[in-house]
Amino acid sequence: MTAGDRREAGDRRMAAVPAGRRRGSGEPSVRQVTEELVLVEVGDRRVLAAAVCPHRGGRLKYGRVDGDRLRITCPLHHTTFDLTSGERLSGAACAGIRVVDVLPGDDSGQSPAGGAS
């Protein structure tokens, strides 16, 4: 095996998709949309939520999203929040996060709270 072959094999391992899921179909994504908000997309669901963890200011755009339970975990101290209510579920004692809107992603033409169509 050459160095190039090992590099390619390593690239394939890093691009692995969890069992039972196809790439691009429901894989969670988190994007910073304003200084204060992130957009979390899981399948056809979209959630606008606070961009910063209230515990120590961890940036939730780097958080781990559990798409099955609609939860996000802060990358700093692993505090987990429910993305439908903002409630803190586990981890460091702190307030919940602000959830601005939970959108079904049905292309109904509705805008996020406070947004214009």
C-alpha atoms as a PDB file:
ATOM      1  CA  MET A   1       0.000   0.000   0.000  1.00  0.00           C
ATOM      2  CA  THR A   2       1.475   3.378  -0.994  1.00  0.00           C
ATOM      3  CA  ALA A   3       1.230   6.596   1.018  1.00  0.00           C
ATOM      4  CA  GLY A   4      -1.392   7.841  -1.438  1.00  0.00           C
ATOM      5  CA  ASP A   5      -3.459   4.669  -0.940  1.00  0.00           C
ATOM      6  CA  ARG A   6      -3.305   5.104   2.838  1.00  0.00           C
ATOM      7  CA  ARG A   7      -4.328   8.745   2.508  1.00  0.00           C
ATOM      8  CA  GLU A   8      -7.328   7.788   0.330  1.00  0.00           C
ATOM      9  CA  ALA A   9      -8.313   5.016   2.742  1.00  0.00           C
ATOM     10  CA  GLY A  10      -8.125   7.492   5.621  1.00  0.00           C
ATOM     11  CA  ASP A  11     -10.314   9.953   3.722  1.00  0.00           C
ATOM     12  CA  ARG A  12     -12.952   7.249   3.227  1.00  0.00           C
ATOM     13  CA  ARG A  13     -12.939   6.396   6.940  1.00  0.00           C
ATOM     14  CA  MET A  14     -13.363  10.035   7.917  1.00  0.00           C
ATOM     15  CA  ALA A  15     -16.303  10.395   5.532  1.00  0.00           C
ATOM     16  CA  ALA A  16     -18.176   7.455   7.058  1.00  0.00           C
ATOM     17  CA  VAL A  17     -21.912   7.870   7.515  1.00  0.00           C
ATOM     18  CA  PRO A  18     -23.613   6.457  10.627  1.00  0.00           C
ATOM     19  CA  ALA A  19     -25.395   3.129  10.113  1.00  0.00           C
ATOM     20  CA  GLY A  20     -28.957   3.469   8.884  1.00  0.00           C
ATOM     21  CA  ARG A  21     -28.485   6.964   7.456  1.00  0.00           C
ATOM     22  CA  ARG A  22     -27.613   8.103   3.981  1.00  0.00           C
ATOM     23  CA  ARG A  23     -25.468  11.194   3.487  1.00  0.00           C
ATOM     24  CA  GLY A  24     -27.590  14.278   2.944  1.00  0.00           C
ATOM     25  CA  SER A  25     -30.834  12.681   4.123  1.00  0.00           C
ATOM     26  CA  GLY A  26     -31.526  13.941   7.591  1.00  0.00           C
ATOM     27  CA  GLU A  27     -27.945  14.510   8.721  1.00  0.00           C
ATOM     28  CA  PRO A  28     -28.089  17.423  11.178  1.00  0.00           C
ATOM     29  CA  SER A  29     -26.462  20.722  10.321  1.00  0.00           C
ATOM     30  CA  VAL A  30     -25.919  23.863  12.395  1.00  0.00           C
ATOM     31  CA  ARG A  31     -25.316  27.253  10.784  1.00  0.00           C
ATOM     32  CA  GLN A  32     -24.732  30.605  12.423  1.00  0.00           C
ATOM     33  CA  VAL A  33     -27.357  32.972  10.952  1.00  0.00           C
ATOM     34  CA  THR A  34     -26.843  36.013  13.193  1.00  0.00           C
ATOM     35  CA  GLU A  35     -24.506  36.795  16.050  1.00  0.00           C
ATOM     36  CA  GLU A  36     -27.233  35.622  18.458  1.00  0.00           C
ATOM     37  CA  LEU A  37     -28.880  32.751  16.521  1.00  0.00           C
ATOM     38  CA  VAL A  38     -28.058  29.415  14.924  1.00  0.00           C
ATOM     39  CA  LEU A  39     -30.222  27.512  12.474  1.00  0.00           C
ATOM     40  CA  VAL A  40     -30.333  23.793  13.238  1.00  0.00           C
ATOM     41  CA  GLU A  41     -31.604  21.632  10.369  1.00  0.00           C
ATOM     42  CA  VAL A  42     -32.545  17.999  10.898  1.00  0.00           C
ATOM     43  CA  GLY A  43     -34.364  16.339   8.029  1.00  0.00           C
ATOM     44  CA  ASP A  44     -37.373  18.518   7.310  1.00  0.00           C
ATOM     45  CA  ARG A  45     -37.224  20.310  10.696  1.00  0.00           C
ATOM     46  CA  ARG A  46     -35.583  23.704  11.192  1.00  0.00           C
ATOM     47  CA  VAL A  47     -34.989  25.352  14.550  1.00  0.00           C
ATOM     48  CA  LEU A  48     -33.780  28.878  15.263  1.00  0.00           C
ATOM     49  CA  ALA A  49     -32.090  28.889  18.659  1.00  0.00           C
ATOM     50  CA  ALA A  50     -29.595  30.829  20.751  1.00  0.00           C
ATOM     51  CA  ALA A  51     -26.061  30.678  19.362  1.00  0.00           C
ATOM     52  CA  VAL A  52     -24.344  30.669  22.762  1.00  0.00           C
ATOM     53  CA  CYS A  53     -24.609  28.269  25.694  1.00  0.00           C
ATOM     54  CA  PRO A  54     -25.681  30.133  28.858  1.00  0.00           C
ATOM     55  CA  HIS A  55     -23.234  28.137  31.029  1.00  0.00           C
ATOM     56  CA  ARG A  56     -19.864  29.430  29.807  1.00  0.00           C
ATOM     57  CA  GLY A  57     -20.561  30.899  26.396  1.00  0.00           C
ATOM     58  CA  GLY A  58     -19.839  27.835  24.251  1.00  0.00           C
ATOM     59  CA  ARG A  59     -20.615  28.410  20.592  1.00  0.00           C
ATOM     60  CA  LEU A  60     -23.458  26.067  19.714  1.00  0.00           C
ATOM     61  CA  LYS A  61     -22.633  26.144  16.003  1.00  0.00           C
ATOM     62  CA  TYR A  62     -19.937  23.639  16.984  1.00  0.00           C
ATOM     63  CA  GLY A  63     -22.342  21.592  19.117  1.00  0.00           C
ATOM     64  CA  ARG A  64     -23.331  17.973  18.533  1.00  0.00           C
ATOM     65  CA  VAL A  65     -26.923  17.538  17.375  1.00  0.00           C
ATOM     66  CA  ASP A  66     -29.011  14.471  18.185  1.00  0.00           C
ATOM     67  CA  GLY A  67     -31.395  14.551  15.251  1.00  0.00           C
ATOM     68  CA  ASP A  68     -33.555  11.715  16.558  1.00  0.00           C
ATOM     69  CA  ARG A  69     -34.350  13.528  19.812  1.00  0.00           C
ATOM     70  CA  LEU A  70     -33.913  17.107  18.513  1.00  0.00           C
ATOM     71  CA  ARG A  71     -31.245  18.042  21.074  1.00  0.00           C
ATOM     72  CA  ILE A  72     -27.992  19.971  20.942  1.00  0.00           C
ATOM     73  CA  THR A  73     -24.951  19.474  23.183  1.00  0.00           C
ATOM     74  CA  CYS A  74     -22.534  22.308  23.899  1.00  0.00           C
ATOM     75  CA  PRO A  75     -18.981  21.519  22.796  1.00  0.00           C
ATOM     76  CA  LEU A  76     -17.363  23.042  25.905  1.00  0.00           C
ATOM     77  CA  HIS A  77     -18.889  21.264  28.894  1.00  0.00           C
ATOM     78  CA  HIS A  78     -21.402  18.923  27.236  1.00  0.00           C
ATOM     79  CA  THR A  79     -24.570  20.577  28.514  1.00  0.00           C
ATOM     80  CA  THR A  80     -27.513  19.255  26.479  1.00  0.00           C
ATOM     81  CA  PHE A  81     -30.591  21.280  25.511  1.00  0.00           C
ATOM     82  CA  ASP A  82     -33.940  20.326  24.015  1.00  0.00           C
ATOM     83  CA  LEU A  83     -34.328  22.161  20.691  1.00  0.00           C
ATOM     84  CA  THR A  84     -38.119  22.345  20.901  1.00  0.00           C
ATOM     85  CA  SER A  85     -38.358  23.973  24.338  1.00  0.00           C
ATOM     86  CA  GLY A  86     -34.812  25.196  25.065  1.00  0.00           C
ATOM     87  CA  GLU A  87     -34.848  23.299  28.371  1.00  0.00           C
ATOM     88  CA  ARG A  88     -31.509  22.146  29.815  1.00  0.00           C
ATOM     89  CA  LEU A  89     -31.657  18.360  29.965  1.00  0.00           C
ATOM     90  CA  SER A  90     -28.241  17.442  31.346  1.00  0.00           C
ATOM     91  CA  GLY A  91     -24.816  18.820  32.087  1.00  0.00           C
ATOM     92  CA  ALA A  92     -23.728  21.948  33.906  1.00  0.00           C
ATOM     93  CA  ALA A  93     -26.346  23.839  35.904  1.00  0.00           C
ATOM     94  CA  CYS A  94     -27.501  26.820  33.842  1.00  0.00           C
ATOM     95  CA  ALA A  95     -30.575  28.349  32.272  1.00  0.00           C
ATOM     96  CA  GLY A  96     -32.116  26.890  29.157  1.00  0.00           C
ATOM     97  CA  ILE A  97     -31.448  28.323  25.722  1.00  0.00           C
ATOM     98  CA  ARG A  98     -33.811  30.584  23.831  1.00  0.00           C
ATOM     99  CA  VAL A  99     -35.636  28.825  21.008  1.00  0.00           C
ATOM    100  CA  VAL A 100     -37.070  31.385  18.608  1.00  0.00           C
ATOM    101  CA  ASP A 101     -38.977  29.093  16.285  1.00  0.00           C
ATOM    102  CA  VAL A 102     -39.380  25.454  15.316  1.00  0.00           C
ATOM    103  CA  LEU A 103     -40.300  25.129  11.645  1.00  0.00           C
ATOM    104  CA  PRO A 104     -41.579  21.966  10.024  1.00  0.00           C
ATOM    105  CA  GLY A 105     -39.740  22.694   6.749  1.00  0.00           C
ATOM    106  CA  ASP A 106     -42.801  22.016   4.649  1.00  0.00           C
ATOM    107  CA  ASP A 107     -42.204  24.937   2.248  1.00  0.00           C
ATOM    108  CA  SER A 108     -45.492  26.500   3.335  1.00  0.00           C
ATOM    109  CA  GLY A 109     -44.034  29.951   2.774  1.00  0.00           C
ATOM    110  CA  GLN A 110     -44.003  30.789   6.469  1.00  0.00           C
ATOM    111  CA  SER A 111     -41.098  32.828   7.747  1.00  0.00           C
ATOM    112  CA  PRO A 112     -39.310  32.438  11.077  1.00  0.00           C
ATOM    113  CA  ALA A 113     -40.731  34.510  13.925  1.00  0.00           C
ATOM    114  CA  GLY A 114     -40.220  38.176  13.252  1.00  0.00           C
ATOM    115  CA  GLY A 115     -39.121  37.557   9.668  1.00  0.00           C
ATOM    116  CA  ALA A 116     -40.647  38.898   6.492  1.00  0.00           C
ATOM    117  CA  SER A 117     -41.876  36.669   3.688  1.00  0.00           C
END
